[in-house]
Amino acid sequence: MKWMINCKEATHLVLQGEDQALSWSDRLRLRMHLAICAACPRFVRQVAVMRMAVGRWRAYRDEADGPPPAP
């Protein structure tokens, strides 16, 4: 297993981590890459902003819909 990954592989791991828990080796490889890369930490922050925006949109949508009508 190679320990140093490139930006494409790091991006893949960041997005995979949104869907499922990463293995300890993948987390370590990603942390090592993020420590030396200037662009990928920015991508991680952008993904976090998108996650937060989607959560707020869902809350807004559910609030706007209101409670379901009573039978």
N, C-alpha and C. Protein backbone atom coordinates (compact mmCIF):
# COMPACT_ATOMS: atom_id res chain seq x y z
N MET A 1 0.86 -1.17 0.00
CA MET A 1 0.00 0.00 0.00
C MET A 1 0.90 1.23 0.00
N LYS A 2 0.62 2.15 -0.90
CA LYS A 2 1.42 3.37 -0.90
C LYS A 2 0.83 4.37 0.08
N TRP A 3 1.70 5.02 0.83
CA TRP A 3 1.24 5.91 1.89
C TRP A 3 0.98 7.32 1.41
N MET A 4 1.75 7.77 0.44
CA MET A 4 1.53 9.12 -0.08
C MET A 4 0.54 9.04 -1.24
N ILE A 5 -0.50 9.85 -1.16
CA ILE A 5 -1.53 9.84 -2.19
C ILE A 5 -1.51 11.19 -2.89
N ASN A 6 -2.09 11.23 -4.09
CA ASN A 6 -2.17 12.49 -4.82
C ASN A 6 -3.52 13.16 -4.54
N CYS A 7 -3.71 14.33 -5.10
CA CYS A 7 -4.93 15.11 -4.82
C CYS A 7 -6.20 14.38 -5.29
N LYS A 8 -6.12 13.70 -6.40
CA LYS A 8 -7.29 12.97 -6.91
C LYS A 8 -7.70 11.88 -5.91
N GLU A 9 -6.73 11.15 -5.39
CA GLU A 9 -7.03 10.11 -4.42
C GLU A 9 -7.54 10.71 -3.11
N ALA A 10 -6.98 11.85 -2.71
CA ALA A 10 -7.43 12.51 -1.48
C ALA A 10 -8.88 12.97 -1.64
N THR A 11 -9.19 13.54 -2.78
CA THR A 11 -10.57 13.98 -3.05
C THR A 11 -11.53 12.80 -2.96
N HIS A 12 -11.12 11.69 -3.52
CA HIS A 12 -11.95 10.48 -3.47
C HIS A 12 -12.19 10.06 -2.02
N LEU A 13 -11.14 10.08 -1.21
CA LEU A 13 -11.28 9.68 0.19
C LEU A 13 -12.17 10.65 0.96
N VAL A 14 -12.04 11.95 0.69
CA VAL A 14 -12.89 12.94 1.37
C VAL A 14 -14.36 12.66 1.05
N LEU A 15 -14.67 12.45 -0.21
CA LEU A 15 -16.06 12.19 -0.60
C LEU A 15 -16.55 10.83 -0.11
N GLN A 16 -15.68 9.85 -0.11
CA GLN A 16 -16.04 8.53 0.43
C GLN A 16 -16.33 8.64 1.92
N GLY A 17 -15.58 9.48 2.61
CA GLY A 17 -15.78 9.68 4.03
C GLY A 17 -17.12 10.33 4.35
N GLU A 18 -17.72 10.99 3.39
CA GLU A 18 -19.05 11.56 3.58
C GLU A 18 -20.12 10.46 3.64
N ASP A 19 -19.86 9.36 2.97
CA ASP A 19 -20.84 8.28 2.88
C ASP A 19 -20.61 7.16 3.88
N GLN A 20 -19.37 6.94 4.25
CA GLN A 20 -19.06 5.83 5.15
C GLN A 20 -17.80 6.14 5.92
N ALA A 21 -17.59 5.42 7.00
CA ALA A 21 -16.39 5.62 7.82
C ALA A 21 -15.18 5.09 7.06
N LEU A 22 -14.10 5.86 7.10
CA LEU A 22 -12.86 5.43 6.46
C LEU A 22 -12.08 4.53 7.40
N SER A 23 -11.30 3.65 6.82
CA SER A 23 -10.42 2.80 7.63
C SER A 23 -9.34 3.67 8.25
N TRP A 24 -8.68 3.16 9.28
CA TRP A 24 -7.64 3.95 9.94
C TRP A 24 -6.51 4.27 8.97
N SER A 25 -6.19 3.33 8.07
CA SER A 25 -5.10 3.58 7.11
C SER A 25 -5.49 4.66 6.11
N ASP A 26 -6.74 4.66 5.67
CA ASP A 26 -7.20 5.71 4.75
C ASP A 26 -7.23 7.07 5.44
N ARG A 27 -7.66 7.09 6.71
CA ARG A 27 -7.65 8.36 7.46
C ARG A 27 -6.23 8.88 7.62
N LEU A 28 -5.30 7.98 7.90
CA LEU A 28 -3.90 8.38 8.06
C LEU A 28 -3.33 8.90 6.74
N ARG A 29 -3.58 8.19 5.66
CA ARG A 29 -3.10 8.63 4.35
C ARG A 29 -3.68 10.00 3.99
N LEU A 30 -4.97 10.21 4.27
CA LEU A 30 -5.60 11.49 3.98
C LEU A 30 -5.00 12.59 4.84
N ARG A 31 -4.81 12.33 6.13
CA ARG A 31 -4.20 13.35 7.01
C ARG A 31 -2.80 13.72 6.57
N MET A 32 -2.01 12.73 6.15
CA MET A 32 -0.67 13.00 5.67
C MET A 32 -0.71 13.89 4.44
N HIS A 33 -1.63 13.61 3.53
CA HIS A 33 -1.76 14.43 2.32
C HIS A 33 -2.21 15.84 2.67
N LEU A 34 -3.20 15.96 3.55
CA LEU A 34 -3.72 17.28 3.92
C LEU A 34 -2.65 18.13 4.60
N ALA A 35 -1.70 17.49 5.27
CA ALA A 35 -0.64 18.22 5.96
C ALA A 35 0.34 18.88 4.99
N ILE A 36 0.47 18.33 3.78
CA ILE A 36 1.45 18.88 2.84
C ILE A 36 0.83 19.58 1.64
N CYS A 37 -0.46 19.46 1.44
CA CYS A 37 -1.12 20.01 0.27
C CYS A 37 -1.80 21.34 0.63
N ALA A 38 -1.72 22.30 -0.28
CA ALA A 38 -2.36 23.60 -0.03
C ALA A 38 -3.81 23.61 -0.49
N ALA A 39 -4.13 22.87 -1.54
CA ALA A 39 -5.47 22.94 -2.13
C ALA A 39 -6.48 22.00 -1.46
N CYS A 40 -6.08 20.84 -1.08
CA CYS A 40 -7.04 19.85 -0.58
C CYS A 40 -7.72 20.25 0.74
N PRO A 41 -7.04 20.90 1.68
CA PRO A 41 -7.76 21.35 2.87
C PRO A 41 -8.89 22.33 2.52
N ARG A 42 -8.67 23.13 1.49
CA ARG A 42 -9.73 24.03 1.03
C ARG A 42 -10.93 23.22 0.52
N PHE A 43 -10.65 22.13 -0.20
CA PHE A 43 -11.73 21.27 -0.68
C PHE A 43 -12.49 20.65 0.49
N VAL A 44 -11.78 20.23 1.52
CA VAL A 44 -12.42 19.65 2.71
C VAL A 44 -13.36 20.69 3.33
N ARG A 45 -12.92 21.94 3.42
CA ARG A 45 -13.78 23.00 3.97
C ARG A 45 -15.00 23.24 3.08
N GLN A 46 -14.81 23.19 1.76
CA GLN A 46 -15.93 23.38 0.84
C GLN A 46 -16.96 22.26 0.99
N VAL A 47 -16.50 21.05 1.17
CA VAL A 47 -17.42 19.92 1.38
C VAL A 47 -18.20 20.12 2.68
N ALA A 48 -17.53 20.61 3.71
CA ALA A 48 -18.21 20.87 4.99
C ALA A 48 -19.26 21.95 4.84
N VAL A 49 -18.95 23.00 4.08
CA VAL A 49 -19.92 24.07 3.84
C VAL A 49 -21.13 23.52 3.08
N MET A 50 -20.90 22.68 2.09
CA MET A 50 -22.00 22.09 1.33
C MET A 50 -22.86 21.20 2.22
N ARG A 51 -22.22 20.42 3.11
CA ARG A 51 -22.98 19.56 4.03
C ARG A 51 -23.87 20.41 4.93
N MET A 52 -23.31 21.50 5.44
CA MET A 52 -24.07 22.40 6.30
C MET A 52 -25.22 23.06 5.52
N ALA A 53 -24.96 23.48 4.29
CA ALA A 53 -25.99 24.13 3.48
C ALA A 53 -27.14 23.16 3.18
N VAL A 54 -26.81 21.93 2.88
CA VAL A 54 -27.85 20.94 2.61
C VAL A 54 -28.68 20.69 3.87
N GLY A 55 -28.02 20.61 5.00
CA GLY A 55 -28.75 20.42 6.26
C GLY A 55 -29.70 21.58 6.54
N ARG A 56 -29.23 22.79 6.31
CA ARG A 56 -30.10 23.96 6.52
C ARG A 56 -31.25 23.97 5.53
N TRP A 57 -30.97 23.60 4.28
CA TRP A 57 -32.02 23.57 3.26
C TRP A 57 -33.10 22.54 3.64
N ARG A 58 -32.65 21.38 4.11
CA ARG A 58 -33.62 20.36 4.52
C ARG A 58 -34.48 20.86 5.68
N ALA A 59 -33.87 21.52 6.66
CA ALA A 59 -34.63 22.06 7.79
C ALA A 59 -35.61 23.12 7.31
N TYR A 60 -35.19 23.98 6.41
CA TYR A 60 -36.05 25.02 5.85
C TYR A 60 -37.21 24.39 5.08
N ARG A 61 -36.90 23.39 4.26
CA ARG A 61 -37.93 22.72 3.47
C ARG A 61 -38.96 22.07 4.37
N ASP A 62 -38.49 21.38 5.41
CA ASP A 62 -39.41 20.70 6.33
C ASP A 62 -40.25 21.71 7.10
N GLU A 63 -39.64 22.84 7.45
CA GLU A 63 -40.36 23.89 8.17
C GLU A 63 -41.41 24.54 7.25
N ALA A 64 -41.07 24.75 5.99
CA ALA A 64 -41.97 25.39 5.04
C ALA A 64 -43.16 24.49 4.73
N ASP A 65 -42.92 23.19 4.72
CA ASP A 65 -44.00 22.24 4.44
C ASP A 65 -45.00 22.20 5.57
N GLY A 66 -44.54 22.46 6.78
CA GLY A 66 -45.43 22.42 7.92
C GLY A 66 -45.81 21.01 8.29
N PRO A 67 -46.58 20.89 9.33
CA PRO A 67 -47.01 19.54 9.73
C PRO A 67 -48.00 18.98 8.72
N PRO A 68 -48.05 17.68 8.63
CA PRO A 68 -49.01 17.08 7.70
C PRO A 68 -50.44 17.36 8.15
N PRO A 69 -51.37 17.47 7.21
CA PRO A 69 -52.75 17.75 7.58
C PRO A 69 -53.37 16.59 8.39
N ALA A 70 -54.23 16.96 9.31
CA ALA A 70 -54.90 15.96 10.13
C ALA A 70 -55.99 15.26 9.31
N PRO A 71 -56.19 13.99 9.51
CA PRO A 71 -57.21 13.26 8.73
C PRO A 71 -58.62 13.61 9.13
